[in-house]
N, C-alpha and C. Protein backbone atom coordinates (compact mmCIF):
# COMPACT_ATOMS: atom_id res chain seq x y z
N MET A 1 -0.67 -6.64 0.55
CA MET A 1 -1.36 -6.41 1.79
C MET A 1 -2.77 -6.96 1.68
N CYS A 2 -3.18 -7.60 2.68
CA CYS A 2 -4.54 -8.12 2.75
C CYS A 2 -5.01 -8.63 1.40
N GLY A 3 -4.24 -9.52 0.79
CA GLY A 3 -4.61 -9.96 -0.54
C GLY A 3 -4.96 -11.42 -0.64
N ALA A 4 -4.75 -12.20 0.38
CA ALA A 4 -5.05 -13.62 0.27
C ALA A 4 -6.52 -13.82 0.01
N GLY A 5 -6.83 -14.55 -1.04
CA GLY A 5 -8.21 -14.83 -1.37
C GLY A 5 -8.93 -13.69 -2.05
N ALA A 6 -8.25 -12.58 -2.27
CA ALA A 6 -8.87 -11.43 -2.93
C ALA A 6 -8.91 -11.67 -4.43
N PRO A 7 -9.75 -10.91 -5.15
CA PRO A 7 -9.79 -11.05 -6.60
C PRO A 7 -8.41 -10.77 -7.18
N ALA A 8 -8.20 -11.21 -8.41
CA ALA A 8 -6.91 -11.01 -9.06
C ALA A 8 -6.53 -9.54 -8.99
N ARG A 9 -5.28 -9.27 -8.68
CA ARG A 9 -4.87 -7.90 -8.52
C ARG A 9 -4.69 -7.22 -9.87
N GLU A 10 -4.97 -5.95 -9.87
CA GLU A 10 -4.85 -5.16 -11.08
C GLU A 10 -3.53 -4.42 -11.03
N THR A 11 -3.04 -3.98 -12.17
CA THR A 11 -1.83 -3.17 -12.20
C THR A 11 -2.18 -1.79 -12.71
N LEU A 12 -1.26 -0.88 -12.53
CA LEU A 12 -1.49 0.48 -13.00
C LEU A 12 -1.73 0.52 -14.49
N GLU A 13 -1.06 -0.36 -15.25
CA GLU A 13 -1.24 -0.38 -16.70
C GLU A 13 -2.68 -0.70 -17.08
N ALA A 14 -3.41 -1.41 -16.21
CA ALA A 14 -4.79 -1.77 -16.49
C ALA A 14 -5.75 -0.61 -16.24
N GLN A 15 -5.25 0.46 -15.64
CA GLN A 15 -6.08 1.61 -15.33
C GLN A 15 -6.19 2.54 -16.54
N PRO A 16 -7.27 3.32 -16.64
CA PRO A 16 -7.38 4.31 -17.71
C PRO A 16 -6.24 5.33 -17.63
N ALA A 17 -5.94 5.99 -18.74
CA ALA A 17 -4.81 6.92 -18.81
C ALA A 17 -4.92 8.03 -17.77
N ASN A 18 -6.13 8.54 -17.51
CA ASN A 18 -6.25 9.62 -16.54
C ASN A 18 -5.94 9.13 -15.12
N VAL A 19 -6.24 7.88 -14.82
CA VAL A 19 -5.92 7.31 -13.51
C VAL A 19 -4.41 7.11 -13.41
N GLN A 20 -3.79 6.61 -14.46
CA GLN A 20 -2.34 6.43 -14.47
C GLN A 20 -1.66 7.78 -14.23
N SER A 21 -2.12 8.82 -14.91
CA SER A 21 -1.54 10.15 -14.77
C SER A 21 -1.70 10.65 -13.34
N PHE A 22 -2.85 10.40 -12.72
CA PHE A 22 -3.08 10.82 -11.35
C PHE A 22 -2.04 10.22 -10.41
N PHE A 23 -1.79 8.91 -10.54
CA PHE A 23 -0.83 8.25 -9.66
C PHE A 23 0.58 8.75 -9.89
N VAL A 24 0.96 8.94 -11.14
CA VAL A 24 2.30 9.44 -11.44
C VAL A 24 2.46 10.85 -10.88
N ASP A 25 1.44 11.71 -11.06
CA ASP A 25 1.49 13.06 -10.50
C ASP A 25 1.57 13.01 -8.98
N LEU A 26 0.83 12.11 -8.37
CA LEU A 26 0.82 11.97 -6.92
C LEU A 26 2.22 11.67 -6.39
N LEU A 27 2.92 10.80 -7.08
CA LEU A 27 4.25 10.41 -6.62
C LEU A 27 5.25 11.56 -6.68
N THR A 28 4.98 12.57 -7.46
CA THR A 28 5.91 13.70 -7.56
C THR A 28 5.77 14.66 -6.39
N VAL A 29 4.67 14.60 -5.63
CA VAL A 29 4.48 15.53 -4.52
C VAL A 29 4.75 14.91 -3.15
N ILE A 30 5.05 13.64 -3.09
CA ILE A 30 5.34 12.98 -1.82
C ILE A 30 6.85 12.91 -1.66
N PRO A 31 7.40 13.62 -0.66
CA PRO A 31 8.86 13.63 -0.50
C PRO A 31 9.40 12.25 -0.12
N MET A 32 10.48 11.86 -0.79
CA MET A 32 11.11 10.57 -0.53
C MET A 32 12.62 10.72 -0.70
N PRO A 33 13.40 9.97 0.08
CA PRO A 33 14.84 9.96 -0.14
C PRO A 33 15.14 9.42 -1.54
N SER A 34 16.31 9.71 -2.06
CA SER A 34 16.65 9.21 -3.39
C SER A 34 16.67 7.69 -3.40
N SER A 35 16.30 7.14 -4.52
CA SER A 35 16.29 5.69 -4.75
C SER A 35 15.43 4.92 -3.76
N THR A 36 14.30 5.47 -3.40
CA THR A 36 13.37 4.79 -2.52
C THR A 36 12.43 3.94 -3.36
N TYR A 37 12.21 2.70 -2.91
CA TYR A 37 11.24 1.82 -3.54
C TYR A 37 9.88 2.12 -2.92
N LEU A 38 8.84 2.13 -3.77
CA LEU A 38 7.50 2.43 -3.31
C LEU A 38 6.54 1.40 -3.86
N ALA A 39 5.76 0.77 -2.97
CA ALA A 39 4.70 -0.16 -3.37
C ALA A 39 3.37 0.59 -3.23
N LEU A 40 2.61 0.64 -4.31
CA LEU A 40 1.38 1.41 -4.35
C LEU A 40 0.18 0.47 -4.42
N TRP A 41 -0.72 0.58 -3.43
CA TRP A 41 -1.93 -0.24 -3.34
C TRP A 41 -3.16 0.64 -3.36
N GLU A 42 -4.23 0.11 -3.93
CA GLU A 42 -5.53 0.79 -3.93
C GLU A 42 -6.54 -0.13 -3.25
N PHE A 43 -7.41 0.47 -2.45
CA PHE A 43 -8.43 -0.29 -1.73
C PHE A 43 -9.79 0.37 -1.86
N GLN A 44 -10.83 -0.44 -1.97
CA GLN A 44 -12.20 0.03 -1.81
C GLN A 44 -12.67 -0.56 -0.50
N VAL A 45 -12.89 0.30 0.47
CA VAL A 45 -13.18 -0.12 1.84
C VAL A 45 -14.69 -0.17 2.06
N LYS A 46 -15.12 -1.21 2.76
CA LYS A 46 -16.53 -1.32 3.11
C LYS A 46 -16.91 -0.15 4.02
N PRO A 47 -18.07 0.47 3.77
CA PRO A 47 -18.47 1.65 4.56
C PRO A 47 -18.41 1.42 6.07
N GLU A 48 -18.82 0.26 6.51
CA GLU A 48 -18.83 -0.02 7.95
C GLU A 48 -17.44 -0.29 8.52
N SER A 49 -16.43 -0.37 7.65
CA SER A 49 -15.08 -0.72 8.09
C SER A 49 -14.08 0.43 7.96
N ILE A 50 -14.56 1.60 7.59
CA ILE A 50 -13.64 2.72 7.33
C ILE A 50 -12.77 3.06 8.53
N SER A 51 -13.35 3.17 9.69
CA SER A 51 -12.58 3.52 10.89
C SER A 51 -11.50 2.47 11.18
N ALA A 52 -11.89 1.21 11.14
CA ALA A 52 -10.93 0.12 11.40
C ALA A 52 -9.85 0.09 10.33
N PHE A 53 -10.23 0.33 9.07
CA PHE A 53 -9.26 0.34 7.98
C PHE A 53 -8.23 1.45 8.20
N GLU A 54 -8.70 2.66 8.48
CA GLU A 54 -7.79 3.78 8.68
C GLU A 54 -6.84 3.53 9.84
N GLU A 55 -7.35 2.92 10.88
CA GLU A 55 -6.50 2.61 12.03
C GLU A 55 -5.45 1.55 11.66
N THR A 56 -5.86 0.53 10.94
CA THR A 56 -4.97 -0.59 10.60
C THR A 56 -3.93 -0.22 9.55
N TYR A 57 -4.32 0.59 8.58
CA TYR A 57 -3.45 0.91 7.45
C TYR A 57 -2.74 2.25 7.56
N GLY A 58 -3.04 3.02 8.59
CA GLY A 58 -2.41 4.32 8.77
C GLY A 58 -0.94 4.20 9.13
N PRO A 59 -0.25 5.34 9.21
CA PRO A 59 1.20 5.34 9.44
C PRO A 59 1.62 4.75 10.79
N ASP A 60 0.70 4.60 11.71
CA ASP A 60 1.01 3.97 13.00
C ASP A 60 0.18 2.72 13.23
N GLY A 61 -0.47 2.23 12.18
CA GLY A 61 -1.34 1.07 12.28
C GLY A 61 -0.60 -0.25 12.33
N ALA A 62 -1.38 -1.31 12.31
CA ALA A 62 -0.83 -2.67 12.45
C ALA A 62 0.18 -3.00 11.35
N TRP A 63 -0.11 -2.57 10.09
CA TRP A 63 0.84 -2.86 9.01
C TRP A 63 2.16 -2.14 9.25
N ALA A 64 2.10 -0.87 9.60
CA ALA A 64 3.33 -0.11 9.84
C ALA A 64 4.10 -0.70 11.02
N GLN A 65 3.39 -1.11 12.05
CA GLN A 65 4.06 -1.71 13.21
C GLN A 65 4.78 -2.99 12.80
N LEU A 66 4.15 -3.80 11.96
CA LEU A 66 4.80 -5.02 11.47
C LEU A 66 6.02 -4.66 10.63
N PHE A 67 5.85 -3.73 9.69
CA PHE A 67 6.95 -3.36 8.81
C PHE A 67 8.13 -2.75 9.56
N ARG A 68 7.86 -2.07 10.67
CA ARG A 68 8.94 -1.42 11.44
C ARG A 68 9.93 -2.42 12.03
N GLN A 69 9.63 -3.69 11.94
CA GLN A 69 10.59 -4.69 12.38
C GLN A 69 11.80 -4.72 11.46
N SER A 70 11.68 -4.09 10.31
CA SER A 70 12.79 -4.04 9.36
C SER A 70 13.42 -2.65 9.34
N PRO A 71 14.74 -2.58 9.39
CA PRO A 71 15.41 -1.28 9.27
C PRO A 71 15.28 -0.70 7.86
N ASP A 72 14.84 -1.50 6.90
CA ASP A 72 14.69 -1.05 5.52
C ASP A 72 13.33 -0.42 5.24
N TYR A 73 12.43 -0.46 6.19
CA TYR A 73 11.11 0.15 6.04
C TYR A 73 11.24 1.64 6.33
N LEU A 74 10.71 2.47 5.42
CA LEU A 74 10.86 3.92 5.53
C LEU A 74 9.56 4.64 5.86
N GLY A 75 8.43 3.95 5.82
CA GLY A 75 7.18 4.59 6.19
C GLY A 75 6.04 4.28 5.25
N THR A 76 4.85 4.63 5.69
CA THR A 76 3.61 4.42 4.94
C THR A 76 2.81 5.71 4.91
N GLU A 77 2.23 5.98 3.76
CA GLU A 77 1.28 7.08 3.61
C GLU A 77 -0.08 6.45 3.32
N LEU A 78 -1.11 6.93 3.98
CA LEU A 78 -2.48 6.50 3.71
C LEU A 78 -3.23 7.69 3.16
N LEU A 79 -3.77 7.52 1.96
CA LEU A 79 -4.48 8.60 1.28
C LEU A 79 -5.93 8.22 1.07
N ARG A 80 -6.84 9.16 1.41
CA ARG A 80 -8.27 8.95 1.24
C ARG A 80 -8.72 9.78 0.03
N ASP A 81 -9.43 9.16 -0.88
CA ASP A 81 -9.95 9.84 -2.07
C ASP A 81 -11.13 10.71 -1.66
N LEU A 82 -11.05 11.99 -1.96
CA LEU A 82 -12.12 12.93 -1.58
C LEU A 82 -13.32 12.84 -2.50
N ASN A 83 -13.14 12.28 -3.69
CA ASN A 83 -14.22 12.22 -4.67
C ASN A 83 -14.90 10.87 -4.78
N HIS A 84 -14.30 9.83 -4.18
CA HIS A 84 -14.86 8.48 -4.25
C HIS A 84 -14.84 7.89 -2.84
N PRO A 85 -15.98 7.96 -2.14
CA PRO A 85 -16.04 7.46 -0.76
C PRO A 85 -15.55 6.01 -0.65
N GLY A 86 -14.74 5.77 0.36
CA GLY A 86 -14.25 4.42 0.62
C GLY A 86 -13.02 4.04 -0.18
N ARG A 87 -12.55 4.89 -1.08
CA ARG A 87 -11.36 4.57 -1.89
C ARG A 87 -10.13 5.14 -1.20
N TYR A 88 -9.12 4.29 -1.05
CA TYR A 88 -7.88 4.66 -0.38
C TYR A 88 -6.67 4.17 -1.19
N LEU A 89 -5.55 4.84 -0.98
CA LEU A 89 -4.27 4.38 -1.50
C LEU A 89 -3.31 4.25 -0.34
N THR A 90 -2.47 3.24 -0.40
CA THR A 90 -1.34 3.18 0.53
C THR A 90 -0.07 3.22 -0.29
N LEU A 91 0.91 3.93 0.24
CA LEU A 91 2.21 4.03 -0.38
C LEU A 91 3.22 3.57 0.67
N ASP A 92 3.77 2.40 0.48
CA ASP A 92 4.73 1.84 1.42
C ASP A 92 6.13 2.07 0.87
N ARG A 93 6.95 2.76 1.65
CA ARG A 93 8.31 3.10 1.22
C ARG A 93 9.32 2.18 1.88
N TRP A 94 10.24 1.68 1.04
CA TRP A 94 11.29 0.77 1.48
C TRP A 94 12.61 1.21 0.82
N THR A 95 13.71 0.74 1.35
CA THR A 95 14.99 1.09 0.75
C THR A 95 15.16 0.45 -0.63
N SER A 96 14.49 -0.68 -0.85
CA SER A 96 14.57 -1.34 -2.15
C SER A 96 13.45 -2.37 -2.28
N HIS A 97 13.20 -2.77 -3.51
CA HIS A 97 12.23 -3.83 -3.79
C HIS A 97 12.69 -5.13 -3.12
N GLU A 98 13.98 -5.38 -3.18
CA GLU A 98 14.53 -6.60 -2.58
C GLU A 98 14.33 -6.61 -1.06
N ALA A 99 14.43 -5.44 -0.44
CA ALA A 99 14.25 -5.36 1.01
C ALA A 99 12.83 -5.76 1.40
N LEU A 100 11.85 -5.31 0.64
CA LEU A 100 10.47 -5.72 0.92
C LEU A 100 10.31 -7.22 0.70
N GLY A 101 10.88 -7.74 -0.36
CA GLY A 101 10.82 -9.18 -0.62
C GLY A 101 11.42 -10.00 0.51
N ARG A 102 12.57 -9.56 1.01
CA ARG A 102 13.20 -10.26 2.15
C ARG A 102 12.31 -10.20 3.37
N PHE A 103 11.73 -9.02 3.61
CA PHE A 103 10.86 -8.87 4.77
C PHE A 103 9.68 -9.83 4.70
N LYS A 104 9.03 -9.89 3.53
CA LYS A 104 7.88 -10.79 3.38
C LYS A 104 8.29 -12.24 3.60
N LYS A 105 9.46 -12.61 3.13
CA LYS A 105 9.93 -13.99 3.31
C LYS A 105 10.25 -14.26 4.78
N ASP A 106 10.96 -13.33 5.43
CA ASP A 106 11.38 -13.52 6.82
C ASP A 106 10.22 -13.43 7.81
N HIS A 107 9.15 -12.72 7.44
CA HIS A 107 8.01 -12.52 8.34
C HIS A 107 6.73 -13.07 7.73
N TYR A 108 6.87 -14.13 6.98
CA TYR A 108 5.75 -14.70 6.23
C TYR A 108 4.54 -14.99 7.11
N ALA A 109 4.74 -15.63 8.24
CA ALA A 109 3.62 -16.03 9.10
C ALA A 109 2.87 -14.80 9.63
N ASP A 110 3.60 -13.81 10.14
CA ASP A 110 2.96 -12.60 10.67
C ASP A 110 2.27 -11.81 9.56
N TYR A 111 2.93 -11.70 8.41
CA TYR A 111 2.36 -10.97 7.26
C TYR A 111 1.06 -11.64 6.81
N SER A 112 1.10 -12.95 6.67
CA SER A 112 -0.08 -13.70 6.23
C SER A 112 -1.22 -13.61 7.23
N ALA A 113 -0.90 -13.69 8.51
CA ALA A 113 -1.94 -13.61 9.54
C ALA A 113 -2.62 -12.24 9.52
N LEU A 114 -1.84 -11.17 9.41
CA LEU A 114 -2.43 -9.84 9.36
C LEU A 114 -3.23 -9.66 8.07
N ASP A 115 -2.73 -10.18 7.00
CA ASP A 115 -3.42 -10.13 5.71
C ASP A 115 -4.81 -10.76 5.83
N GLN A 116 -4.88 -11.91 6.44
CA GLN A 116 -6.17 -12.59 6.62
C GLN A 116 -7.10 -11.81 7.53
N GLN A 117 -6.56 -11.21 8.58
CA GLN A 117 -7.38 -10.42 9.50
C GLN A 117 -8.01 -9.22 8.79
N CYS A 118 -7.31 -8.69 7.79
CA CYS A 118 -7.77 -7.46 7.12
C CYS A 118 -8.75 -7.70 5.98
N GLU A 119 -8.86 -8.91 5.52
CA GLU A 119 -9.71 -9.20 4.35
C GLU A 119 -11.13 -8.69 4.51
N SER A 120 -11.68 -8.76 5.69
CA SER A 120 -13.08 -8.37 5.88
C SER A 120 -13.30 -6.86 5.81
N LEU A 121 -12.23 -6.08 5.78
CA LEU A 121 -12.36 -4.62 5.77
C LEU A 121 -12.64 -4.04 4.39
N THR A 122 -12.31 -4.80 3.35
CA THR A 122 -12.37 -4.22 2.00
C THR A 122 -13.29 -5.01 1.07
N GLU A 123 -13.79 -4.28 0.08
CA GLU A 123 -14.56 -4.90 -0.99
C GLU A 123 -13.63 -5.33 -2.12
N ARG A 124 -12.54 -4.56 -2.29
CA ARG A 124 -11.60 -4.80 -3.37
C ARG A 124 -10.27 -4.19 -3.01
N GLU A 125 -9.22 -4.82 -3.49
CA GLU A 125 -7.88 -4.25 -3.36
C GLU A 125 -7.11 -4.56 -4.63
N ALA A 126 -6.19 -3.69 -4.95
CA ALA A 126 -5.38 -3.89 -6.15
C ALA A 126 -3.98 -3.37 -5.89
N PHE A 127 -3.00 -4.20 -6.19
CA PHE A 127 -1.62 -3.74 -6.18
C PHE A 127 -1.42 -3.01 -7.50
N LEU A 128 -1.18 -1.70 -7.44
CA LEU A 128 -1.12 -0.91 -8.66
C LEU A 128 0.22 -1.01 -9.37
N ASP A 129 1.30 -1.04 -8.62
CA ASP A 129 2.61 -1.22 -9.26
C ASP A 129 3.73 -0.90 -8.31
N ASP A 130 4.94 -1.21 -8.78
CA ASP A 130 6.18 -0.90 -8.09
C ASP A 130 6.71 0.41 -8.67
N PHE A 131 7.18 1.31 -7.78
CA PHE A 131 7.76 2.57 -8.22
C PHE A 131 9.10 2.76 -7.54
N GLU A 132 9.90 3.63 -8.14
CA GLU A 132 11.17 4.03 -7.54
C GLU A 132 11.26 5.54 -7.67
N SER A 133 11.68 6.18 -6.58
CA SER A 133 11.84 7.63 -6.64
C SER A 133 12.99 7.97 -7.59
N VAL A 134 12.91 9.15 -8.15
CA VAL A 134 13.95 9.62 -9.05
C VAL A 134 14.71 10.73 -8.36
N ALA A 135 16.00 10.53 -8.20
CA ALA A 135 16.83 11.56 -7.54
C ALA A 135 16.96 12.77 -8.44
N PRO A 136 16.91 13.98 -7.86
CA PRO A 136 17.04 15.19 -8.68
C PRO A 136 18.41 15.33 -9.32
């Protein structure tokens, strides 16, 4: 999301152990159907862009509206860090990693255009990693 021209993306493995633990713990409290693929992104939003960012990246924002063109899209969660102003996480749920890949390929032009429009909202973004829910 909004990554064209952004600094090299970081992965969860590059984060300190306490940050890794936070994300893993977070994933255990968000209800998901079994075998759901989850893409986890972190953003540092420019102070003047917080309102626009929340609108664009929220569950009914421009990204969710684009993703809803696919029956494999299951929803987005937008999380605001209470201890670090401007820090947000998005959790995009899909039926599979392959489904997201197909969507990006099939909607490349729209995805890229929205990505470029969003670049000015953030100071930094990082794709943290791919996750899969674990069925009980």
